[in-house]
PDB file of N, CA and C in Angstrom:
ATOM      1  N   MET A   1      -8.900 -51.848  10.922  1.00  0.00           N
ATOM      2  CA  MET A   1      -7.940 -51.438   9.940  1.00  0.00           C
ATOM      3  C   MET A   1      -8.321 -50.080   9.322  1.00  0.00           C
ATOM      4  N   GLU A   2      -9.610 -49.889   9.005  1.00  0.00           N
ATOM      5  CA  GLU A   2     -10.039 -48.639   8.400  1.00  0.00           C
ATOM      6  C   GLU A   2      -9.926 -47.472   9.376  1.00  0.00           C
ATOM      7  N   GLN A   3     -10.056 -47.719  10.675  1.00  0.00           N
ATOM      8  CA  GLN A   3      -9.928 -46.651  11.653  1.00  0.00           C
ATOM      9  C   GLN A   3      -8.513 -46.086  11.646  1.00  0.00           C
ATOM     10  N   THR A   4      -7.514 -46.926  11.550  1.00  0.00           N
ATOM     11  CA  THR A   4      -6.134 -46.430  11.532  1.00  0.00           C
ATOM     12  C   THR A   4      -5.859 -45.665  10.247  1.00  0.00           C
ATOM     13  N   LYS A   5      -6.453 -46.092   9.131  1.00  0.00           N
ATOM     14  CA  LYS A   5      -6.267 -45.377   7.870  1.00  0.00           C
ATOM     15  C   LYS A   5      -6.878 -43.977   7.954  1.00  0.00           C
ATOM     16  N   GLU A   6      -8.080 -43.873   8.496  1.00  0.00           N
ATOM     17  CA  GLU A   6      -8.726 -42.577   8.665  1.00  0.00           C
ATOM     18  C   GLU A   6      -7.932 -41.718   9.633  1.00  0.00           C
ATOM     19  N   HIS A   7      -7.382 -42.349  10.667  1.00  0.00           N
ATOM     20  CA  HIS A   7      -6.631 -41.615  11.672  1.00  0.00           C
ATOM     21  C   HIS A   7      -5.376 -40.986  11.064  1.00  0.00           C
ATOM     22  N   LYS A   8      -4.703 -41.679  10.148  1.00  0.00           N
ATOM     23  CA  LYS A   8      -3.484 -41.170   9.534  1.00  0.00           C
ATOM     24  C   LYS A   8      -3.774 -40.035   8.562  1.00  0.00           C
ATOM     25  N   GLU A   9      -4.907 -40.060   7.867  1.00  0.00           N
ATOM     26  CA  GLU A   9      -5.227 -39.059   6.858  1.00  0.00           C
ATOM     27  C   GLU A   9      -5.792 -37.775   7.473  1.00  0.00           C
ATOM     28  N   ARG A  10      -6.137 -37.806   8.733  1.00  0.00           N
ATOM     29  CA  ARG A  10      -6.735 -36.638   9.378  1.00  0.00           C
ATOM     30  C   ARG A  10      -5.709 -35.497   9.450  1.00  0.00           C
ATOM     31  N   ASN A  11      -6.167 -34.295   9.210  1.00  0.00           N
ATOM     32  CA  ASN A  11      -5.299 -33.129   9.248  1.00  0.00           C
ATOM     33  C   ASN A  11      -4.993 -32.779  10.697  1.00  0.00           C
ATOM     34  N   LYS A  12      -3.724 -32.773  11.055  1.00  0.00           N
ATOM     35  CA  LYS A  12      -3.328 -32.469  12.423  1.00  0.00           C
ATOM     36  C   LYS A  12      -3.167 -30.970  12.648  1.00  0.00           C
ATOM     37  N   GLY A  13      -3.253 -30.186  11.595  1.00  0.00           N
ATOM     38  CA  GLY A  13      -3.077 -28.747  11.721  1.00  0.00           C
ATOM     39  C   GLY A  13      -1.602 -28.384  11.656  1.00  0.00           C
ATOM     40  N   GLY A  14      -1.309 -27.130  11.864  1.00  0.00           N
ATOM     41  CA  GLY A  14       0.070 -26.683  11.820  1.00  0.00           C
ATOM     42  C   GLY A  14       0.492 -26.277  10.417  1.00  0.00           C
ATOM     43  N   ARG A  15       1.740 -25.894  10.335  1.00  0.00           N
ATOM     44  CA  ARG A  15       2.290 -25.420   9.080  1.00  0.00           C
ATOM     45  C   ARG A  15       2.549 -26.597   8.144  1.00  0.00           C
ATOM     46  N   PRO A  16       2.172 -26.469   6.864  1.00  0.00           N
ATOM     47  CA  PRO A  16       2.444 -27.555   5.920  1.00  0.00           C
ATOM     48  C   PRO A  16       3.956 -27.722   5.702  1.00  0.00           C
ATOM     49  N   LYS A  17       4.378 -28.931   5.417  1.00  0.00           N
ATOM     50  CA  LYS A  17       5.792 -29.203   5.195  1.00  0.00           C
ATOM     51  C   LYS A  17       6.225 -28.602   3.868  1.00  0.00           C
ATOM     52  N   LYS A  18       7.468 -28.111   3.837  1.00  0.00           N
ATOM     53  CA  LYS A  18       8.018 -27.546   2.616  1.00  0.00           C
ATOM     54  C   LYS A  18       8.430 -28.657   1.669  1.00  0.00           C
ATOM     55  N   GLU A  19       8.384 -28.338   0.385  1.00  0.00           N
ATOM     56  CA  GLU A  19       8.881 -29.261  -0.631  1.00  0.00           C
ATOM     57  C   GLU A  19      10.403 -29.311  -0.542  1.00  0.00           C
ATOM     58  N   ALA A  20      10.993 -30.326  -1.099  1.00  0.00           N
ATOM     59  CA  ALA A  20      12.447 -30.477  -1.070  1.00  0.00           C
ATOM     60  C   ALA A  20      13.144 -29.301  -1.764  1.00  0.00           C
ATOM     61  N   THR A  21      12.508 -28.743  -2.790  1.00  0.00           N
ATOM     62  CA  THR A  21      13.122 -27.623  -3.515  1.00  0.00           C
ATOM     63  C   THR A  21      13.025 -26.313  -2.751  1.00  0.00           C
ATOM     64  N   GLU A  22      12.142 -26.224  -1.761  1.00  0.00           N
ATOM     65  CA  GLU A  22      11.965 -24.999  -0.989  1.00  0.00           C
ATOM     66  C   GLU A  22      12.832 -24.956   0.261  1.00  0.00           C
ATOM     67  N   LYS A  23      13.350 -26.103   0.696  1.00  0.00           N
ATOM     68  CA  LYS A  23      14.122 -26.160   1.932  1.00  0.00           C
ATOM     69  C   LYS A  23      15.487 -25.510   1.733  1.00  0.00           C
ATOM     70  N   LEU A  24      15.908 -24.778   2.753  1.00  0.00           N
ATOM     71  CA  LEU A  24      17.233 -24.166   2.744  1.00  0.00           C
ATOM     72  C   LEU A  24      18.158 -25.078   3.542  1.00  0.00           C
ATOM     73  N   LYS A  25      18.781 -26.031   2.864  1.00  0.00           N
ATOM     74  CA  LYS A  25      19.557 -27.014   3.608  1.00  0.00           C
ATOM     75  C   LYS A  25      21.055 -26.915   3.355  1.00  0.00           C
ATOM     76  N   TYR A  26      21.499 -26.047   2.457  1.00  0.00           N
ATOM     77  CA  TYR A  26      22.919 -25.905   2.189  1.00  0.00           C
ATOM     78  C   TYR A  26      23.433 -24.611   2.801  1.00  0.00           C
ATOM     79  N   ARG A  27      24.581 -24.695   3.427  1.00  0.00           N
ATOM     80  CA  ARG A  27      25.179 -23.531   4.081  1.00  0.00           C
ATOM     81  C   ARG A  27      26.515 -23.261   3.415  1.00  0.00           C
ATOM     82  N   ILE A  28      26.781 -22.001   3.111  1.00  0.00           N
ATOM     83  CA  ILE A  28      28.040 -21.617   2.497  1.00  0.00           C
ATOM     84  C   ILE A  28      28.680 -20.545   3.366  1.00  0.00           C
ATOM     85  N   ALA A  29      29.914 -20.735   3.717  1.00  0.00           N
ATOM     86  CA  ALA A  29      30.654 -19.735   4.489  1.00  0.00           C
ATOM     87  C   ALA A  29      31.379 -18.827   3.507  1.00  0.00           C
ATOM     88  N   VAL A  30      31.255 -17.541   3.710  1.00  0.00           N
ATOM     89  CA  VAL A  30      31.908 -16.560   2.845  1.00  0.00           C
ATOM     90  C   VAL A  30      32.771 -15.669   3.716  1.00  0.00           C
ATOM     91  N   LYS A  31      34.022 -15.537   3.355  1.00  0.00           N
ATOM     92  CA  LYS A  31      34.906 -14.623   4.069  1.00  0.00           C
ATOM     93  C   LYS A  31      34.904 -13.295   3.342  1.00  0.00           C
ATOM     94  N   MET A  32      34.837 -12.226   4.113  1.00  0.00           N
ATOM     95  CA  MET A  32      34.837 -10.897   3.509  1.00  0.00           C
ATOM     96  C   MET A  32      35.543  -9.919   4.439  1.00  0.00           C
ATOM     97  N   THR A  33      35.956  -8.817   3.867  1.00  0.00           N
ATOM     98  CA  THR A  33      36.609  -7.786   4.661  1.00  0.00           C
ATOM     99  C   THR A  33      35.561  -7.084   5.517  1.00  0.00           C
ATOM    100  N   ALA A  34      36.035  -6.327   6.478  1.00  0.00           N
ATOM    101  CA  ALA A  34      35.122  -5.584   7.351  1.00  0.00           C
ATOM    102  C   ALA A  34      34.287  -4.605   6.530  1.00  0.00           C
ATOM    103  N   ALA A  35      34.911  -3.949   5.554  1.00  0.00           N
ATOM    104  CA  ALA A  35      34.182  -2.979   4.725  1.00  0.00           C
ATOM    105  C   ALA A  35      33.063  -3.665   3.945  1.00  0.00           C
ATOM    106  N   ASP A  36      33.374  -4.829   3.361  1.00  0.00           N
ATOM    107  CA  ASP A  36      32.353  -5.557   2.614  1.00  0.00           C
ATOM    108  C   ASP A  36      31.233  -6.035   3.526  1.00  0.00           C
ATOM    109  N   TYR A  37      31.594  -6.494   4.717  1.00  0.00           N
ATOM    110  CA  TYR A  37      30.593  -6.986   5.664  1.00  0.00           C
ATOM    111  C   TYR A  37      29.638  -5.865   6.070  1.00  0.00           C
ATOM    112  N   PHE A  38      30.186  -4.697   6.398  1.00  0.00           N
ATOM    113  CA  PHE A  38      29.323  -3.590   6.810  1.00  0.00           C
ATOM    114  C   PHE A  38      28.522  -3.042   5.636  1.00  0.00           C
ATOM    115  N   ARG A  39      29.067  -3.138   4.414  1.00  0.00           N
ATOM    116  CA  ARG A  39      28.309  -2.746   3.232  1.00  0.00           C
ATOM    117  C   ARG A  39      27.122  -3.695   3.052  1.00  0.00           C
ATOM    118  N   LEU A  40      27.358  -4.996   3.265  1.00  0.00           N
ATOM    119  CA  LEU A  40      26.267  -5.985   3.187  1.00  0.00           C
ATOM    120  C   LEU A  40      25.198  -5.683   4.227  1.00  0.00           C
ATOM    121  N   LEU A  41      25.622  -5.410   5.457  1.00  0.00           N
ATOM    122  CA  LEU A  41      24.644  -5.100   6.514  1.00  0.00           C
ATOM    123  C   LEU A  41      23.852  -3.848   6.180  1.00  0.00           C
ATOM    124  N   THR A  42      24.527  -2.829   5.675  1.00  0.00           N
ATOM    125  CA  THR A  42      23.848  -1.569   5.333  1.00  0.00           C
ATOM    126  C   THR A  42      22.835  -1.781   4.211  1.00  0.00           C
ATOM    127  N   ARG A  43      23.264  -2.460   3.156  1.00  0.00           N
ATOM    128  CA  ARG A  43      22.364  -2.662   2.019  1.00  0.00           C
ATOM    129  C   ARG A  43      21.193  -3.563   2.375  1.00  0.00           C
ATOM    130  N   SER A  44      21.438  -4.590   3.183  1.00  0.00           N
ATOM    131  CA  SER A  44      20.326  -5.465   3.571  1.00  0.00           C
ATOM    132  C   SER A  44      19.348  -4.714   4.470  1.00  0.00           C
ATOM    133  N   HIS A  45      19.875  -3.836   5.324  1.00  0.00           N
ATOM    134  CA  HIS A  45      18.995  -3.029   6.185  1.00  0.00           C
ATOM    135  C   HIS A  45      18.165  -2.064   5.338  1.00  0.00           C
ATOM    136  N   GLU A  46      18.801  -1.430   4.334  1.00  0.00           N
ATOM    137  CA  GLU A  46      18.073  -0.504   3.456  1.00  0.00           C
ATOM    138  C   GLU A  46      16.976  -1.220   2.677  1.00  0.00           C
ATOM    139  N   ALA A  47      17.225  -2.485   2.319  1.00  0.00           N
ATOM    140  CA  ALA A  47      16.226  -3.262   1.580  1.00  0.00           C
ATOM    141  C   ALA A  47      15.225  -3.928   2.520  1.00  0.00           C
ATOM    142  N   SER A  48      15.442  -3.812   3.832  1.00  0.00           N
ATOM    143  CA  SER A  48      14.566  -4.392   4.861  1.00  0.00           C
ATOM    144  C   SER A  48      14.477  -5.910   4.751  1.00  0.00           C
ATOM    145  N   VAL A  49      15.609  -6.533   4.481  1.00  0.00           N
ATOM    146  CA  VAL A  49      15.682  -7.993   4.450  1.00  0.00           C
ATOM    147  C   VAL A  49      16.916  -8.419   5.247  1.00  0.00           C
ATOM    148  N   SER A  50      16.980  -9.697   5.577  1.00  0.00           N
ATOM    149  CA  SER A  50      18.141 -10.204   6.304  1.00  0.00           C
ATOM    150  C   SER A  50      19.341 -10.254   5.353  1.00  0.00           C
ATOM    151  N   PRO A  51      20.549 -10.233   5.909  1.00  0.00           N
ATOM    152  CA  PRO A  51      21.730 -10.348   5.048  1.00  0.00           C
ATOM    153  C   PRO A  51      21.708 -11.624   4.207  1.00  0.00           C
ATOM    154  N   SER A  52      21.236 -12.729   4.771  1.00  0.00           N
ATOM    155  CA  SER A  52      21.169 -13.978   4.004  1.00  0.00           C
ATOM    156  C   SER A  52      20.201 -13.854   2.836  1.00  0.00           C
ATOM    157  N   GLU A  53      19.027 -13.276   3.095  1.00  0.00           N
ATOM    158  CA  GLU A  53      18.041 -13.101   2.024  1.00  0.00           C
ATOM    159  C   GLU A  53      18.569 -12.132   0.970  1.00  0.00           C
ATOM    160  N   TYR A  54      19.294 -11.101   1.398  1.00  0.00           N
ATOM    161  CA  TYR A  54      19.888 -10.144   0.467  1.00  0.00           C
ATOM    162  C   TYR A  54      20.844 -10.870  -0.476  1.00  0.00           C
ATOM    163  N   MET A  55      21.698 -11.719   0.070  1.00  0.00           N
ATOM    164  CA  MET A  55      22.664 -12.445  -0.750  1.00  0.00           C
ATOM    165  C   MET A  55      21.964 -13.436  -1.682  1.00  0.00           C
ATOM    166  N   ARG A  56      20.901 -14.100  -1.194  1.00  0.00           N
ATOM    167  CA  ARG A  56      20.156 -15.024  -2.058  1.00  0.00           C
ATOM    168  C   ARG A  56      19.526 -14.279  -3.228  1.00  0.00           C
ATOM    169  N   GLU A  57      18.947 -13.100  -2.962  1.00  0.00           N
ATOM    170  CA  GLU A  57      18.340 -12.298  -4.032  1.00  0.00           C
ATOM    171  C   GLU A  57      19.400 -11.839  -5.035  1.00  0.00           C
ATOM    172  N   CYS A  58      20.563 -11.442  -4.536  1.00  0.00           N
ATOM    173  CA  CYS A  58      21.651 -11.040  -5.444  1.00  0.00           C
ATOM    174  C   CYS A  58      22.042 -12.200  -6.348  1.00  0.00           C
ATOM    175  N   PHE A  59      22.106 -13.371  -5.771  1.00  0.00           N
ATOM    176  CA  PHE A  59      22.484 -14.550  -6.551  1.00  0.00           C
ATOM    177  C   PHE A  59      21.420 -14.885  -7.596  1.00  0.00           C
ATOM    178  N   ARG A  60      20.151 -14.820  -7.215  1.00  0.00           N
ATOM    179  CA  ARG A  60      19.056 -15.179  -8.126  1.00  0.00           C
ATOM    180  C   ARG A  60      18.881 -14.149  -9.233  1.00  0.00           C
ATOM    181  N   ASN A  61      18.859 -12.885  -8.863  1.00  0.00           N
ATOM    182  CA  ASN A  61      18.459 -11.830  -9.802  1.00  0.00           C
ATOM    183  C   ASN A  61      19.573 -10.886 -10.218  1.00  0.00           C
ATOM    184  N   GLY A  62      20.684 -10.949  -9.547  1.00  0.00           N
ATOM    185  CA  GLY A  62      21.747 -10.002  -9.837  1.00  0.00           C
ATOM    186  C   GLY A  62      21.556  -8.678  -9.123  1.00  0.00           C
ATOM    187  N   HIS A  63      20.414  -8.492  -8.474  1.00  0.00           N
ATOM    188  CA  HIS A  63      20.147  -7.278  -7.697  1.00  0.00           C
ATOM    189  C   HIS A  63      19.080  -7.584  -6.649  1.00  0.00           C
ATOM    190  N   VAL A  64      18.921  -6.649  -5.727  1.00  0.00           N
ATOM    191  CA  VAL A  64      17.909  -6.799  -4.678  1.00  0.00           C
ATOM    192  C   VAL A  64      16.936  -5.649  -4.805  1.00  0.00           C
ATOM    193  N   LYS A  65      15.650  -5.990  -4.848  1.00  0.00           N
ATOM    194  CA  LYS A  65      14.601  -4.983  -4.922  1.00  0.00           C
ATOM    195  C   LYS A  65      14.359  -4.410  -3.536  1.00  0.00           C
ATOM    196  N   GLU A  66      14.399  -3.111  -3.434  1.00  0.00           N
ATOM    197  CA  GLU A  66      14.182  -2.456  -2.152  1.00  0.00           C
ATOM    198  C   GLU A  66      12.688  -2.413  -1.849  1.00  0.00           C
ATOM    199  N   ARG A  67      12.342  -2.634  -0.593  1.00  0.00           N
ATOM    200  CA  ARG A  67      10.940  -2.521  -0.201  1.00  0.00           C
ATOM    201  C   ARG A  67      10.541  -1.060  -0.181  1.00  0.00           C
ATOM    202  N   LEU A  68       9.246  -0.820  -0.235  1.00  0.00           N
ATOM    203  CA  LEU A  68       8.753   0.555  -0.194  1.00  0.00           C
ATOM    204  C   LEU A  68       9.072   1.184   1.146  1.00  0.00           C
ATOM    205  N   SER A  69       9.542   2.421   1.115  1.00  0.00           N
ATOM    206  CA  SER A  69       9.775   3.136   2.364  1.00  0.00           C
ATOM    207  C   SER A  69       8.423   3.614   2.906  1.00  0.00           C
ATOM    208  N   GLU A  70       8.416   4.017   4.158  1.00  0.00           N
ATOM    209  CA  GLU A  70       7.174   4.535   4.763  1.00  0.00           C
ATOM    210  C   GLU A  70       6.693   5.761   4.004  1.00  0.00           C
ATOM    211  N   GLU A  71       7.642   6.575   3.560  1.00  0.00           N
ATOM    212  CA  GLU A  71       7.289   7.793   2.832  1.00  0.00           C
ATOM    213  C   GLU A  71       6.589   7.451   1.515  1.00  0.00           C
ATOM    214  N   HIS A  72       7.169   6.504   0.752  1.00  0.00           N
ATOM    215  CA  HIS A  72       6.549   6.114  -0.518  1.00  0.00           C
ATOM    216  C   HIS A  72       5.213   5.412  -0.296  1.00  0.00           C
ATOM    217  N   ALA A  73       5.116   4.619   0.760  1.00  0.00           N
ATOM    218  CA  ALA A  73       3.842   3.960   1.058  1.00  0.00           C
ATOM    219  C   ALA A  73       2.769   5.010   1.348  1.00  0.00           C
ATOM    220  N   GLY A  74       3.143   6.080   2.041  1.00  0.00           N
ATOM    221  CA  GLY A  74       2.209   7.179   2.304  1.00  0.00           C
ATOM    222  C   GLY A  74       1.760   7.852   1.027  1.00  0.00           C
ATOM    223  N   TYR A  75       2.714   8.059   0.108  1.00  0.00           N
ATOM    224  CA  TYR A  75       2.357   8.669  -1.177  1.00  0.00           C
ATOM    225  C   TYR A  75       1.385   7.776  -1.956  1.00  0.00           C
ATOM    226  N   ILE A  76       1.621   6.481  -1.912  1.00  0.00           N
ATOM    227  CA  ILE A  76       0.741   5.564  -2.644  1.00  0.00           C
ATOM    228  C   ILE A  76      -0.661   5.569  -2.035  1.00  0.00           C
ATOM    229  N   ARG A  77      -0.737   5.639  -0.696  1.00  0.00           N
ATOM    230  CA  ARG A  77      -2.067   5.736  -0.059  1.00  0.00           C
ATOM    231  C   ARG A  77      -2.779   7.010  -0.494  1.00  0.00           C
ATOM    232  N   GLN A  78      -2.019   8.119  -0.566  1.00  0.00           N
ATOM    233  CA  GLN A  78      -2.619   9.379  -1.008  1.00  0.00           C
ATOM    234  C   GLN A  78      -3.109   9.265  -2.451  1.00  0.00           C
ATOM    235  N   LEU A  79      -2.299   8.620  -3.306  1.00  0.00           N
ATOM    236  CA  LEU A  79      -2.717   8.438  -4.700  1.00  0.00           C
ATOM    237  C   LEU A  79      -3.989   7.605  -4.800  1.00  0.00           C
ATOM    238  N   CYS A  80      -4.106   6.588  -3.952  1.00  0.00           N
ATOM    239  CA  CYS A  80      -5.328   5.763  -3.957  1.00  0.00           C
ATOM    240  C   CYS A  80      -6.542   6.608  -3.574  1.00  0.00           C
ATOM    241  N   GLY A  81      -6.376   7.457  -2.582  1.00  0.00           N
ATOM    242  CA  GLY A  81      -7.471   8.340  -2.187  1.00  0.00           C
ATOM    243  C   GLY A  81      -7.844   9.310  -3.303  1.00  0.00           C
ATOM    244  N   MET A  82      -6.827   9.832  -3.977  1.00  0.00           N
ATOM    245  CA  MET A  82      -7.086  10.761  -5.079  1.00  0.00           C
ATOM    246  C   MET A  82      -7.758  10.047  -6.252  1.00  0.00           C
ATOM    247  N   ALA A  83      -7.375   8.801  -6.487  1.00  0.00           N
ATOM    248  CA  ALA A  83      -8.026   8.044  -7.555  1.00  0.00           C
ATOM    249  C   ALA A  83      -9.503   7.872  -7.245  1.00  0.00           C
ATOM    250  N   ASN A  84      -9.812   7.623  -5.978  1.00  0.00           N
ATOM    251  CA  ASN A  84     -11.208   7.514  -5.562  1.00  0.00           C
ATOM    252  C   ASN A  84     -11.935   8.832  -5.816  1.00  0.00           C
ATOM    253  N   ASN A  85     -11.292   9.960  -5.469  1.00  0.00           N
ATOM    254  CA  ASN A  85     -11.906  11.273  -5.712  1.00  0.00           C
ATOM    255  C   ASN A  85     -12.134  11.510  -7.202  1.00  0.00           C
ATOM    256  N   LEU A  86     -11.162  11.115  -8.025  1.00  0.00           N
ATOM    257  CA  LEU A  86     -11.329  11.292  -9.475  1.00  0.00           C
ATOM    258  C   LEU A  86     -12.495  10.468 -10.006  1.00  0.00           C
ATOM    259  N   ASN A  87     -12.646   9.265  -9.490  1.00  0.00           N
ATOM    260  CA  ASN A  87     -13.781   8.439  -9.919  1.00  0.00           C
ATOM    261  C   ASN A  87     -15.103   9.101  -9.545  1.00  0.00           C
ATOM    262  N   GLN A  88     -15.160   9.689  -8.366  1.00  0.00           N
ATOM    263  CA  GLN A  88     -16.386  10.392  -7.947  1.00  0.00           C
ATOM    264  C   GLN A  88     -16.648  11.598  -8.830  1.00  0.00           C
ATOM    265  N   LEU A  89     -15.570  12.344  -9.166  1.00  0.00           N
ATOM    266  CA  LEU A  89     -15.733  13.499 -10.049  1.00  0.00           C
ATOM    267  C   LEU A  89     -16.194  13.070 -11.442  1.00  0.00           C
ATOM    268  N   ALA A  90     -15.645  11.980 -11.934  1.00  0.00           N
ATOM    269  CA  ALA A  90     -16.059  11.486 -13.249  1.00  0.00           C
ATOM    270  C   ALA A  90     -17.534  11.090 -13.237  1.00  0.00           C
ATOM    271  N   ARG A  91     -17.950  10.490 -12.150  1.00  0.00           N
ATOM    272  CA  ARG A  91     -19.365  10.097 -12.039  1.00  0.00           C
ATOM    273  C   ARG A  91     -20.264  11.337 -12.056  1.00  0.00           C
ATOM    274  N   LYS A  92     -19.849  12.372 -11.291  1.00  0.00           N
ATOM    275  CA  LYS A  92     -20.636  13.615 -11.280  1.00  0.00           C
ATOM    276  C   LYS A  92     -20.645  14.268 -12.655  1.00  0.00           C
ATOM    277  N   ALA A  93     -19.482  14.267 -13.304  1.00  0.00           N
ATOM    278  CA  ALA A  93     -19.386  14.895 -14.627  1.00  0.00           C
ATOM    279  C   ALA A  93     -20.265  14.175 -15.636  1.00  0.00           C
ATOM    280  N   ASN A  94     -20.296  12.865 -15.572  1.00  0.00           N
ATOM    281  CA  ASN A  94     -21.144  12.103 -16.492  1.00  0.00           C
ATOM    282  C   ASN A  94     -22.617  12.344 -16.205  1.00  0.00           C
ATOM    283  N   ALA A  95     -22.941  12.553 -14.939  1.00  0.00           N
ATOM    284  CA  ALA A  95     -24.351  12.755 -14.584  1.00  0.00           C
ATOM    285  C   ALA A  95     -24.815  14.174 -14.887  1.00  0.00           C
ATOM    286  N   GLY A  96     -23.973  15.188 -14.555  1.00  0.00           N
ATOM    287  CA  GLY A  96     -24.456  16.560 -14.661  1.00  0.00           C
ATOM    288  C   GLY A  96     -23.734  17.419 -15.661  1.00  0.00           C
ATOM    289  N   GLY A  97     -22.797  16.895 -16.373  1.00  0.00           N
ATOM    290  CA  GLY A  97     -22.064  17.699 -17.344  1.00  0.00           C
ATOM    291  C   GLY A  97     -20.690  18.062 -16.810  1.00  0.00           C
ATOM    292  N   PHE A  98     -19.726  18.050 -17.685  1.00  0.00           N
ATOM    293  CA  PHE A  98     -18.338  18.263 -17.291  1.00  0.00           C
ATOM    294  C   PHE A  98     -18.086  19.690 -16.849  1.00  0.00           C
ATOM    295  N   HIS A  99     -18.837  20.638 -17.367  1.00  0.00           N
ATOM    296  CA  HIS A  99     -18.588  22.050 -17.083  1.00  0.00           C
ATOM    297  C   HIS A  99     -18.615  22.342 -15.578  1.00  0.00           C
ATOM    298  N   ASP A 100     -19.530  21.721 -14.849  1.00  0.00           N
ATOM    299  CA  ASP A 100     -19.660  21.990 -13.410  1.00  0.00           C
ATOM    300  C   ASP A 100     -18.478  21.433 -12.616  1.00  0.00           C
ATOM    301  N   GLU A 101     -17.852  20.378 -13.088  1.00  0.00           N
ATOM    302  CA  GLU A 101     -16.790  19.703 -12.332  1.00  0.00           C
ATOM    303  C   GLU A 101     -15.396  20.016 -12.864  1.00  0.00           C
ATOM    304  N   ARG A 102     -15.302  20.929 -13.826  1.00  0.00           N
ATOM    305  CA  ARG A 102     -14.027  21.189 -14.483  1.00  0.00           C
ATOM    306  C   ARG A 102     -12.943  21.632 -13.502  1.00  0.00           C
ATOM    307  N   TRP A 103     -13.233  22.573 -12.635  1.00  0.00           N
ATOM    308  CA  TRP A 103     -12.228  23.098 -11.712  1.00  0.00           C
ATOM    309  C   TRP A 103     -11.757  22.020 -10.735  1.00  0.00           C
ATOM    310  N   ASP A 104     -12.678  21.228 -10.198  1.00  0.00           N
ATOM    311  CA  ASP A 104     -12.306  20.152  -9.278  1.00  0.00           C
ATOM    312  C   ASP A 104     -11.398  19.131  -9.965  1.00  0.00           C
ATOM    313  N   CYS A 105     -11.671  18.845 -11.222  1.00  0.00           N
ATOM    314  CA  CYS A 105     -10.840  17.891 -11.970  1.00  0.00           C
ATOM    315  C   CYS A 105      -9.434  18.444 -12.170  1.00  0.00           C
ATOM    316  N   LYS A 106      -9.331  19.730 -12.492  1.00  0.00           N
ATOM    317  CA  LYS A 106      -8.010  20.334 -12.692  1.00  0.00           C
ATOM    318  C   LYS A 106      -7.198  20.310 -11.405  1.00  0.00           C
ATOM    319  N   VAL A 107      -7.831  20.593 -10.283  1.00  0.00           N
ATOM    320  CA  VAL A 107      -7.142  20.566  -8.987  1.00  0.00           C
ATOM    321  C   VAL A 107      -6.674  19.146  -8.667  1.00  0.00           C
ATOM    322  N   ALA A 108      -7.537  18.168  -8.890  1.00  0.00           N
ATOM    323  CA  ALA A 108      -7.181  16.780  -8.599  1.00  0.00           C
ATOM    324  C   ALA A 108      -6.017  16.316  -9.475  1.00  0.00           C
ATOM    325  N   VAL A 109      -6.043  16.663 -10.745  1.00  0.00           N
ATOM    326  CA  VAL A 109      -4.963  16.265 -11.650  1.00  0.00           C
ATOM    327  C   VAL A 109      -3.651  16.938 -11.240  1.00  0.00           C
ATOM    328  N   ALA A 110      -3.693  18.188 -10.824  1.00  0.00           N
ATOM    329  CA  ALA A 110      -2.481  18.884 -10.386  1.00  0.00           C
ATOM    330  C   ALA A 110      -1.902  18.232  -9.138  1.00  0.00           C
ATOM    331  N   ARG A 111      -2.748  17.845  -8.190  1.00  0.00           N
ATOM    332  CA  ARG A 111      -2.266  17.191  -6.971  1.00  0.00           C
ATOM    333  C   ARG A 111      -1.668  15.821  -7.278  1.00  0.00           C
ATOM    334  N   ILE A 112      -2.286  15.085  -8.189  1.00  0.00           N
ATOM    335  CA  ILE A 112      -1.751  13.781  -8.581  1.00  0.00           C
ATOM    336  C   ILE A 112      -0.393  13.958  -9.262  1.00  0.00           C
ATOM    337  N   HIS A 113      -0.283  14.940 -10.135  1.00  0.00           N
ATOM    338  CA  HIS A 113       0.985  15.205 -10.805  1.00  0.00           C
ATOM    339  C   HIS A 113       2.074  15.564  -9.794  1.00  0.00           C
ATOM    340  N   GLU A 114       1.729  16.348  -8.800  1.00  0.00           N
ATOM    341  CA  GLU A 114       2.677  16.733  -7.750  1.00  0.00           C
ATOM    342  C   GLU A 114       3.166  15.504  -6.976  1.00  0.00           C
ATOM    343  N   LEU A 115       2.253  14.609  -6.617  1.00  0.00           N
ATOM    344  CA  LEU A 115       2.643  13.405  -5.888  1.00  0.00           C
ATOM    345  C   LEU A 115       3.508  12.486  -6.733  1.00  0.00           C
ATOM    346  N   ILE A 116       3.170  12.320  -7.988  1.00  0.00           N
ATOM    347  CA  ILE A 116       3.961  11.463  -8.875  1.00  0.00           C
ATOM    348  C   ILE A 116       5.375  12.045  -9.015  1.00  0.00           C
ATOM    349  N   THR A 117       5.492  13.362  -9.057  1.00  0.00           N
ATOM    350  CA  THR A 117       6.814  13.989  -9.116  1.00  0.00           C
ATOM    351  C   THR A 117       7.603  13.716  -7.848  1.00  0.00           C
ATOM    352  N   LYS A 118       6.943  13.754  -6.681  1.00  0.00           N
ATOM    353  CA  LYS A 118       7.615  13.461  -5.415  1.00  0.00           C
ATOM    354  C   LYS A 118       8.116  12.021  -5.371  1.00  0.00           C
ATOM    355  N   ILE A 119       7.300  11.097  -5.873  1.00  0.00           N
ATOM    356  CA  ILE A 119       7.683   9.694  -5.859  1.00  0.00           C
ATOM    357  C   ILE A 119       8.839   9.449  -6.817  1.00  0.00           C
ATOM    358  N   GLY A 120       8.862  10.187  -7.910  1.00  0.00           N
ATOM    359  CA  GLY A 120       9.942  10.049  -8.868  1.00  0.00           C
ATOM    360  C   GLY A 120       9.639   9.082  -9.996  1.00  0.00           C
ATOM    361  N   ILE A 121       8.373   8.957 -10.327  1.00  0.00           N
ATOM    362  CA  ILE A 121       7.966   8.055 -11.418  1.00  0.00           C
ATOM    363  C   ILE A 121       8.131   8.772 -12.730  1.00  0.00           C
TER     364      ILE A 121
END
């Protein structure tokens, strides 16, 4: 009897089952004009999500958050690198005095400001 109990509790692997609240089990048909349909396809493509996910997000939040474009992701990577450089400059300035690192700090701050302007923050 105990062998069968142990056998049932053993993890078989695979993806865990979804909770009842997470399952997508209801389907709704929506009729729309060709213009609305292509607008949905365009907007879902711009947001990099499926049309169904786009509509679910609209329903939940009233809007859909666009994913980062490759261009913005590149800018963020550059900002991360610049932040690392600023930390190194701050370490040098604390160790040897700010006067020696002043020009490097000004250049780094100008480049960061330029990138933030490109991103549009």
